[in-house]
Amino acid sequence: MVEPDRKDPPIMAIDRDGLDALIQCLAHDGYQVIGPRVENSAVVLGPVAGVADLPKGWTDEQAGGHYRLVADGRGEDGALFGFTLAAQGWKRYLHPPRTRLWQAHREGRSWRVEAEDAAPRYAFLGVRACELSAIHVLDRVFDNGQFTDPGYAKRRGGTFIVAVNCGRAAATCFCASMATGPKAEAGFDLALTELSDSASARFVVEVGSRAGAAVLTGIPHGPATAADIAAAERAVANATAQMQRAAGGREMVDDAAGVLSRNVEHPQWDKVAARCLGCGNCTAVCPTCFCTSMEDTTDLSGDVAERWRRWDSCFTLDFSYIHGGSVRRATASRYRQWITHKLSYWHEQFGTSGCVGCGRCITWCPVGIDITEEARTLAESEGRT
């Protein structure tokens, strides 16, 4: 868990050899380093052993229902973080898709219960600003002081975070309108800004914690020049300028709860339901969705019992099942539940929006439903945007 410094440390710089040394240093310290890599024609998150595993020279095209990797044409000089977002988020490591909560073994007339497996120590490399905000949202859900998920707290507490500021935005990004990016402001141990368009590829490094400062001392680094810092600022500004979407307009940002509560019977819900497949892709790729269901299993002998928690989705018919049937039978009601919880109820529960503007739900929706456009339609119907 990131522990902030009391004063702003100097801004440093490292080259690609320094980044490789950083990965090696974290691994030597006992972290399992997780970062972006190319698999099956997509950037995904997985174990990385060095710079060679990173998606050098690749960028991405993202739009509604569209994702494609594209070579940036620069070969060995290509950026390591020239893409915008991996296909899945960091949630899968902090809140895994399947978790065994306990296992019980019959011993005579009693049972011996084994708790959840020990949590690994992760080092996350390449966390974007919107994803960092998403992790903070999950903190409020799973480790908020009043209710704590012990497994999440163990995984989160041992995590070292290396953020990467964005130098470009996909067509589906809208983090600027949610005030969650494209620059990481807090909650990281180290934050990098890649300067791959210069004569020698290097990174501007900001230190965000004492742990980050300690790790930095163990790798080759030096002070960032004024030109480096200016180039890093231009890169982030470029990403902001490229964003084509906003979170439903100013009215939706300022009064999401009011807009949604006043339009629960709006005909737009039926219009979006006519397109929605109810597949749940949006909830699977969302970095903050946390709905789960429980499964109890036994082996054939009846001597071993287990309880598993697995991801679920409010788009499934069974998710709202109570005795007698499902509460939300229609696709329109399930989509309304998702977007209303994401943009409205989340404020009441956790004091923040459940949306961080990453745009994954737009990219990975098979029919390209756009949460920003649906929100905008509702806001504009009141004539106050």
Protein backbone atom coordinates (compact mmCIF):
# COMPACT_ATOMS: atom_id res chain seq x y z
CA MET A 1 0.00 0.00 0.00
CA VAL A 2 1.34 3.42 -0.94
CA GLU A 3 2.51 5.55 1.99
CA PRO A 4 2.90 9.16 0.84
CA ASP A 5 5.94 11.29 1.54
CA ARG A 6 5.64 14.46 3.58
CA LYS A 7 7.47 16.61 1.03
CA ASP A 8 7.81 16.59 -2.73
CA PRO A 9 10.98 14.76 -3.80
CA PRO A 10 12.97 15.88 -6.86
CA ILE A 11 11.88 14.63 -10.27
CA MET A 12 14.28 12.05 -11.67
CA ALA A 13 14.88 10.28 -14.99
CA ILE A 14 15.77 6.75 -16.04
CA ASP A 15 16.39 5.09 -19.39
CA ARG A 16 15.20 1.68 -20.59
CA ASP A 17 18.09 -0.04 -18.87
CA GLY A 18 16.98 1.66 -15.68
CA LEU A 19 13.43 0.41 -16.20
CA ASP A 20 14.75 -3.11 -16.73
CA ALA A 21 16.76 -2.75 -13.53
CA LEU A 22 13.60 -1.57 -11.75
CA ILE A 23 11.76 -4.74 -12.79
CA GLN A 24 14.69 -6.90 -11.66
CA CYS A 25 14.93 -5.02 -8.36
CA LEU A 26 11.24 -5.51 -7.59
CA ALA A 27 11.47 -9.22 -8.41
CA HIS A 28 14.54 -9.53 -6.18
CA ASP A 29 12.57 -7.90 -3.35
CA GLY A 30 10.00 -10.68 -3.58
CA TYR A 31 7.34 -9.03 -5.73
CA GLN A 32 5.55 -10.77 -8.55
CA VAL A 33 5.83 -8.10 -11.25
CA ILE A 34 2.67 -7.76 -13.34
CA GLY A 35 2.64 -5.55 -16.40
CA PRO A 36 1.41 -5.21 -19.99
CA ARG A 37 2.41 -7.73 -22.64
CA VAL A 38 1.12 -8.76 -26.05
CA GLU A 39 -0.83 -12.01 -26.25
CA ASN A 40 -3.43 -13.15 -28.78
CA SER A 41 -3.30 -9.82 -30.68
CA ALA A 42 -4.09 -7.75 -27.61
CA VAL A 43 -2.28 -6.03 -24.78
CA VAL A 44 -3.05 -7.98 -21.62
CA LEU A 45 -1.71 -7.97 -18.08
CA GLY A 46 0.56 -10.75 -16.91
CA PRO A 47 3.93 -11.56 -15.35
CA VAL A 48 6.86 -9.63 -16.83
CA ALA A 49 10.53 -10.47 -16.26
CA GLY A 50 12.04 -7.48 -18.02
CA VAL A 51 11.66 -4.76 -20.64
CA ALA A 52 11.72 -7.40 -23.39
CA ASP A 53 8.29 -8.60 -22.24
CA LEU A 54 6.65 -5.19 -22.64
CA PRO A 55 4.63 -4.27 -25.79
CA LYS A 56 7.39 -2.29 -27.49
CA GLY A 57 6.33 -0.65 -30.74
CA TRP A 58 2.62 -1.35 -30.37
CA THR A 59 -0.27 1.06 -30.16
CA ASP A 60 -4.00 0.41 -30.15
CA GLU A 61 -7.15 1.49 -31.96
CA GLN A 62 -10.23 1.57 -29.75
CA ALA A 63 -13.78 2.60 -30.59
CA GLY A 64 -17.28 1.39 -29.78
CA GLY A 65 -17.15 -2.38 -30.16
CA HIS A 66 -13.70 -2.20 -31.76
CA TYR A 67 -10.16 -3.03 -30.57
CA ARG A 68 -7.08 -3.57 -32.70
CA LEU A 69 -3.33 -3.56 -32.08
CA VAL A 70 -1.30 -1.59 -34.62
CA ALA A 71 2.49 -1.44 -35.00
CA ASP A 72 3.72 2.12 -34.55
CA GLY A 73 6.29 1.63 -37.33
CA ARG A 74 9.29 2.62 -35.23
CA GLY A 75 10.76 -0.83 -34.63
CA GLU A 76 13.39 -0.85 -31.88
CA ASP A 77 12.66 2.82 -31.20
CA GLY A 78 8.98 2.14 -30.55
CA ALA A 79 7.39 3.15 -27.27
CA LEU A 80 6.99 0.60 -24.50
CA PHE A 81 3.72 2.17 -23.32
CA GLY A 82 2.38 3.55 -26.61
CA PHE A 83 -0.97 1.83 -26.13
CA THR A 84 -3.70 3.30 -23.93
CA LEU A 85 -5.18 0.47 -21.86
CA ALA A 86 -4.75 -3.28 -21.59
CA ALA A 87 -7.79 -5.37 -22.38
CA GLN A 88 -8.42 -6.12 -18.70
CA GLY A 89 -7.75 -4.16 -15.55
CA TRP A 90 -5.79 -4.63 -12.34
CA LYS A 91 -8.98 -5.61 -10.52
CA ARG A 92 -8.40 -9.25 -11.48
CA TYR A 93 -5.33 -9.35 -9.21
CA LEU A 94 -6.78 -7.50 -6.24
CA HIS A 95 -10.29 -8.97 -6.54
CA PRO A 96 -9.75 -12.21 -8.52
CA PRO A 97 -12.45 -13.68 -10.79
CA ARG A 98 -12.50 -16.81 -8.60
CA THR A 99 -11.42 -16.99 -4.98
CA ARG A 100 -11.58 -19.96 -2.65
CA LEU A 101 -12.71 -18.48 0.65
CA TRP A 102 -12.24 -21.66 2.67
CA GLN A 103 -11.86 -25.42 2.45
CA ALA A 104 -13.10 -27.87 5.08
CA HIS A 105 -11.90 -31.45 5.60
CA ARG A 106 -13.90 -34.02 7.51
CA GLU A 107 -12.02 -35.45 10.48
CA GLY A 108 -14.21 -37.99 12.21
CA ARG A 109 -17.24 -36.13 13.52
CA SER A 110 -15.70 -32.68 13.14
CA TRP A 111 -14.28 -30.51 10.39
CA ARG A 112 -10.89 -28.85 9.93
CA VAL A 113 -11.24 -25.54 8.11
CA GLU A 114 -8.47 -23.97 6.04
CA ALA A 115 -8.81 -20.28 5.27
CA GLU A 116 -8.11 -18.48 1.99
CA ASP A 117 -4.66 -19.05 0.52
CA ALA A 118 -1.85 -16.60 1.32
CA ALA A 119 -1.86 -13.41 -0.76
CA PRO A 120 1.00 -12.82 -3.22
CA ARG A 121 3.05 -9.62 -3.16
CA TYR A 122 2.36 -7.84 -6.43
CA ALA A 123 4.23 -5.04 -8.14
CA PHE A 124 1.99 -3.44 -10.75
CA LEU A 125 3.90 -1.88 -13.66
CA GLY A 126 2.08 0.46 -16.04
CA VAL A 127 -0.97 1.51 -14.00
CA ARG A 128 -2.71 4.38 -15.80
CA ALA A 129 -4.22 7.29 -13.90
CA CYS A 130 -7.82 6.17 -14.45
CA GLU A 131 -6.90 2.67 -13.27
CA LEU A 132 -5.21 4.08 -10.20
CA SER A 133 -8.46 5.89 -9.43
CA ALA A 134 -10.31 2.62 -9.95
CA ILE A 135 -8.09 0.91 -7.38
CA HIS A 136 -8.93 3.69 -4.92
CA VAL A 137 -12.62 3.07 -5.61
CA LEU A 138 -12.16 -0.64 -4.86
CA ASP A 139 -10.42 0.35 -1.63
CA ARG A 140 -13.59 2.11 -0.52
CA VAL A 141 -15.62 -0.99 -1.32
CA PHE A 142 -13.40 -3.68 0.20
CA ASP A 143 -11.28 -1.90 2.81
CA ASN A 144 -13.23 1.12 4.02
CA GLY A 145 -12.61 0.86 7.76
CA GLN A 146 -16.12 -0.31 8.59
CA PHE A 147 -16.23 -3.39 6.36
CA THR A 148 -13.01 -5.08 5.30
CA ASP A 149 -12.50 -8.01 2.98
CA PRO A 150 -9.43 -9.70 4.52
CA GLY A 151 -8.24 -11.25 1.26
CA TYR A 152 -8.44 -7.94 -0.59
CA ALA A 153 -6.72 -6.11 2.27
CA LYS A 154 -3.81 -8.58 2.21
CA ARG A 155 -3.36 -8.36 -1.56
CA ARG A 156 -3.72 -4.59 -1.63
CA GLY A 157 -1.53 -3.97 1.39
CA GLY A 158 1.44 -5.70 -0.19
CA THR A 159 1.17 -4.03 -3.59
CA PHE A 160 3.86 -1.78 -5.09
CA ILE A 161 2.51 0.49 -7.83
CA VAL A 162 4.45 1.92 -10.77
CA ALA A 163 2.07 4.26 -12.60
CA VAL A 164 2.55 5.40 -16.21
CA ASN A 165 1.13 8.74 -17.32
CA CYS A 166 -0.65 8.76 -20.66
CA GLY A 167 0.83 10.42 -23.72
CA ARG A 168 -2.13 9.65 -25.96
CA ALA A 169 -5.82 8.88 -25.59
CA ALA A 170 -8.01 6.32 -27.30
CA ALA A 171 -11.25 7.39 -28.94
CA THR A 172 -13.11 5.82 -26.00
CA CYS A 173 -11.21 7.61 -23.19
CA PHE A 174 -12.97 10.26 -21.09
CA CYS A 175 -10.96 10.33 -17.86
CA ALA A 176 -10.37 14.10 -18.10
CA SER A 177 -14.10 14.76 -17.68
CA MET A 178 -14.11 12.50 -14.60
CA ALA A 179 -11.01 14.22 -13.10
CA THR A 180 -9.25 10.85 -12.93
CA GLY A 181 -6.48 11.38 -15.50
CA PRO A 182 -4.57 11.33 -17.73
CA LYS A 183 -1.85 12.13 -15.15
CA ALA A 184 -1.46 10.14 -11.95
CA GLU A 185 -1.55 12.60 -9.06
CA ALA A 186 -1.35 10.35 -5.98
CA GLY A 187 -1.54 6.77 -4.77
CA PHE A 188 1.57 5.45 -6.53
CA ASP A 189 5.03 4.49 -5.38
CA LEU A 190 6.66 5.62 -8.64
CA ALA A 191 5.10 7.33 -11.66
CA LEU A 192 6.71 7.29 -15.12
CA THR A 193 6.16 9.48 -18.15
CA GLU A 194 7.65 7.97 -21.31
CA LEU A 195 9.60 10.29 -23.61
CA SER A 196 10.00 7.94 -26.55
CA ASP A 197 9.96 10.67 -29.20
CA SER A 198 13.32 12.05 -28.11
CA ALA A 199 16.81 11.10 -29.27
CA SER A 200 17.13 8.48 -26.53
CA ALA A 201 14.05 6.81 -25.02
CA ARG A 202 13.78 7.56 -21.32
CA PHE A 203 11.29 8.17 -18.54
CA VAL A 204 10.62 11.05 -16.21
CA VAL A 205 10.12 9.58 -12.73
CA GLU A 206 8.06 11.00 -9.88
CA VAL A 207 8.40 9.45 -6.42
CA GLY A 208 5.16 8.97 -4.52
CA SER A 209 6.21 7.08 -1.39
CA ARG A 210 9.13 6.19 0.82
CA ALA A 211 9.04 2.67 -0.62
CA GLY A 212 9.30 4.13 -4.11
CA ALA A 213 12.23 6.31 -3.11
CA ALA A 214 14.01 3.32 -1.60
CA VAL A 215 13.60 1.23 -4.75
CA LEU A 216 14.76 4.12 -6.97
CA THR A 217 18.05 4.38 -5.07
CA GLY A 218 18.86 0.81 -6.12
CA ILE A 219 18.69 1.43 -9.89
CA PRO A 220 20.56 3.73 -12.30
CA HIS A 221 18.90 7.15 -12.35
CA GLY A 222 19.65 10.85 -12.46
CA PRO A 223 17.88 14.20 -12.16
CA ALA A 224 15.40 15.06 -14.89
CA THR A 225 16.31 18.09 -16.97
CA ALA A 226 13.98 21.03 -17.46
CA ALA A 227 13.51 19.88 -21.06
CA ASP A 228 12.53 16.40 -19.88
CA ILE A 229 9.97 17.79 -17.44
CA ALA A 230 8.51 20.09 -20.11
CA ALA A 231 8.29 17.17 -22.56
CA ALA A 232 6.46 15.08 -19.94
CA GLU A 233 3.97 17.88 -19.38
CA ARG A 234 3.38 18.18 -23.14
CA ALA A 235 2.77 14.43 -23.39
CA VAL A 236 0.04 14.55 -20.76
CA ALA A 237 -1.49 17.67 -22.32
CA ASN A 238 -1.53 15.87 -25.66
CA ALA A 239 -3.52 13.00 -24.17
CA THR A 240 -6.04 15.42 -22.68
CA ALA A 241 -6.46 17.25 -25.99
CA GLN A 242 -7.13 13.98 -27.84
CA MET A 243 -10.15 13.00 -25.76
CA GLN A 244 -13.33 13.00 -27.79
CA ARG A 245 -15.83 12.03 -25.11
CA ALA A 246 -17.10 13.47 -21.83
CA ALA A 247 -19.17 11.95 -19.07
CA GLY A 248 -22.60 12.92 -20.35
CA GLY A 249 -22.16 16.68 -20.18
CA ARG A 250 -21.72 19.09 -17.27
CA GLU A 251 -25.23 18.43 -15.94
CA MET A 252 -24.54 14.72 -15.68
CA VAL A 253 -21.24 15.25 -13.89
CA ASP A 254 -22.71 17.75 -11.41
CA ASP A 255 -26.06 16.06 -10.75
CA ALA A 256 -25.94 12.44 -11.90
CA ALA A 257 -28.18 11.28 -9.05
CA GLY A 258 -30.79 13.90 -9.87
CA VAL A 259 -30.80 13.26 -13.61
CA LEU A 260 -31.11 9.50 -13.22
CA SER A 261 -33.69 9.58 -10.43
CA ARG A 262 -35.90 11.91 -12.47
CA ASN A 263 -35.73 9.69 -15.56
CA VAL A 264 -36.31 6.13 -14.35
CA GLU A 265 -39.12 5.69 -16.90
CA HIS A 266 -37.39 7.47 -19.76
CA PRO A 267 -37.94 5.82 -23.18
CA GLN A 268 -34.16 5.78 -23.69
CA TRP A 269 -33.95 2.71 -21.46
CA ASP A 270 -36.01 0.71 -23.94
CA LYS A 271 -33.98 2.07 -26.86
CA VAL A 272 -30.69 0.92 -25.39
CA ALA A 273 -32.23 -2.41 -24.36
CA ALA A 274 -33.12 -3.07 -28.00
CA ARG A 275 -29.38 -3.09 -28.75
CA CYS A 276 -28.00 -4.55 -25.51
CA LEU A 277 -27.19 -8.27 -25.62
CA GLY A 278 -27.12 -8.59 -21.85
CA CYS A 279 -23.72 -10.28 -22.18
CA GLY A 280 -22.13 -8.53 -19.18
CA ASN A 281 -18.93 -7.63 -21.06
CA CYS A 282 -19.11 -4.10 -19.68
CA THR A 283 -19.12 -5.32 -16.08
CA ALA A 284 -16.35 -7.87 -16.74
CA VAL A 285 -13.93 -5.26 -18.11
CA CYS A 286 -15.01 -2.43 -15.79
CA PRO A 287 -12.19 -1.78 -13.30
CA THR A 288 -14.61 -1.01 -10.45
CA CYS A 289 -17.52 -3.47 -10.80
CA PHE A 290 -17.40 -5.83 -7.85
CA CYS A 291 -20.57 -7.97 -7.92
CA THR A 292 -20.02 -11.61 -6.96
CA SER A 293 -21.91 -14.79 -6.18
CA MET A 294 -21.02 -17.70 -3.90
CA GLU A 295 -20.65 -21.37 -4.75
CA ASP A 296 -20.49 -24.19 -2.20
CA THR A 297 -19.06 -27.47 -3.45
CA THR A 298 -18.23 -30.90 -2.05
CA ASP A 299 -16.24 -33.78 -3.46
CA LEU A 300 -17.89 -37.11 -4.29
CA SER A 301 -16.90 -38.61 -0.93
CA GLY A 302 -18.42 -35.74 1.03
CA ASP A 303 -15.19 -35.36 2.98
CA VAL A 304 -14.08 -32.05 1.46
CA ALA A 305 -16.24 -28.93 1.18
CA GLU A 306 -15.30 -25.58 -0.31
CA ARG A 307 -16.76 -22.13 -0.65
CA TRP A 308 -15.83 -20.13 -3.75
CA ARG A 309 -16.55 -16.54 -4.63
CA ARG A 310 -16.73 -15.70 -8.33
CA TRP A 311 -17.43 -12.60 -10.34
CA ASP A 312 -21.04 -12.10 -11.34
CA SER A 313 -22.88 -9.38 -13.23
CA CYS A 314 -26.05 -7.39 -12.69
CA PHE A 315 -26.76 -8.11 -16.37
CA THR A 316 -27.44 -11.79 -15.69
CA LEU A 317 -31.04 -12.75 -15.11
CA ASP A 318 -30.21 -14.84 -12.06
CA PHE A 319 -28.28 -12.10 -10.28
CA SER A 320 -31.46 -10.46 -8.95
CA TYR A 321 -33.21 -13.78 -8.29
CA ILE A 322 -35.17 -14.10 -5.08
CA HIS A 323 -37.87 -16.62 -4.21
CA GLY A 324 -40.36 -16.52 -7.03
CA GLY A 325 -38.14 -15.14 -9.77
CA SER A 326 -35.80 -12.36 -10.80
CA VAL A 327 -36.49 -8.77 -9.79
CA ARG A 328 -35.03 -7.31 -12.97
CA ARG A 329 -36.45 -9.44 -15.77
CA ALA A 330 -36.12 -6.96 -18.64
CA THR A 331 -32.83 -5.96 -20.24
CA ALA A 332 -33.87 -2.32 -19.91
CA SER A 333 -34.12 -2.62 -16.12
CA ARG A 334 -30.76 -4.38 -15.90
CA TYR A 335 -28.97 -1.72 -17.98
CA ARG A 336 -30.68 1.00 -15.93
CA GLN A 337 -29.49 -0.68 -12.73
CA TRP A 338 -25.89 -0.77 -13.99
CA ILE A 339 -25.59 2.80 -15.20
CA THR A 340 -27.59 4.21 -12.26
CA HIS A 341 -25.41 2.40 -9.74
CA LYS A 342 -22.25 3.39 -11.59
CA LEU A 343 -23.02 7.10 -11.90
CA SER A 344 -25.43 7.75 -9.03
CA TYR A 345 -25.82 5.26 -6.17
CA TRP A 346 -22.08 4.84 -5.91
CA HIS A 347 -21.86 8.43 -4.62
CA GLU A 348 -24.30 7.59 -1.84
CA GLN A 349 -22.49 4.39 -0.89
CA PHE A 350 -18.84 5.30 -1.30
CA GLY A 351 -18.64 9.06 -1.80
CA THR A 352 -17.35 8.84 -5.36
CA SER A 353 -18.45 7.91 -8.85
CA GLY A 354 -18.18 4.27 -9.85
CA CYS A 355 -16.94 5.34 -13.28
CA VAL A 356 -13.36 6.48 -13.86
CA GLY A 357 -13.62 7.25 -17.57
CA CYS A 358 -11.42 4.41 -18.86
CA GLY A 359 -13.86 3.66 -21.72
CA ARG A 360 -13.42 -0.12 -21.60
CA CYS A 361 -17.17 -0.69 -21.42
CA ILE A 362 -17.49 1.14 -24.76
CA THR A 363 -14.63 -0.69 -26.46
CA TRP A 364 -15.64 -4.17 -25.38
CA CYS A 365 -19.41 -3.85 -25.84
CA PRO A 366 -20.17 -6.03 -28.90
CA VAL A 367 -22.70 -3.49 -30.17
CA GLY A 368 -20.76 -0.37 -29.12
CA ILE A 369 -23.16 1.04 -26.51
CA ASP A 370 -21.59 4.22 -25.15
CA ILE A 371 -22.19 5.09 -21.48
CA THR A 372 -21.32 8.73 -22.15
CA GLU A 373 -23.91 9.04 -24.92
CA GLU A 374 -26.61 7.29 -22.88
CA ALA A 375 -25.92 9.65 -19.98
CA ARG A 376 -25.89 12.64 -22.30
CA THR A 377 -29.24 11.68 -23.83
CA LEU A 378 -30.87 11.59 -20.40
CA ALA A 379 -29.31 14.91 -19.36
CA GLU A 380 -30.22 16.64 -22.63
CA SER A 381 -33.82 15.45 -22.36
CA GLU A 382 -34.17 17.86 -19.43
CA GLY A 383 -32.94 20.74 -21.59
CA ARG A 384 -30.31 21.88 -19.11
CA THR A 385 -26.97 20.77 -20.60
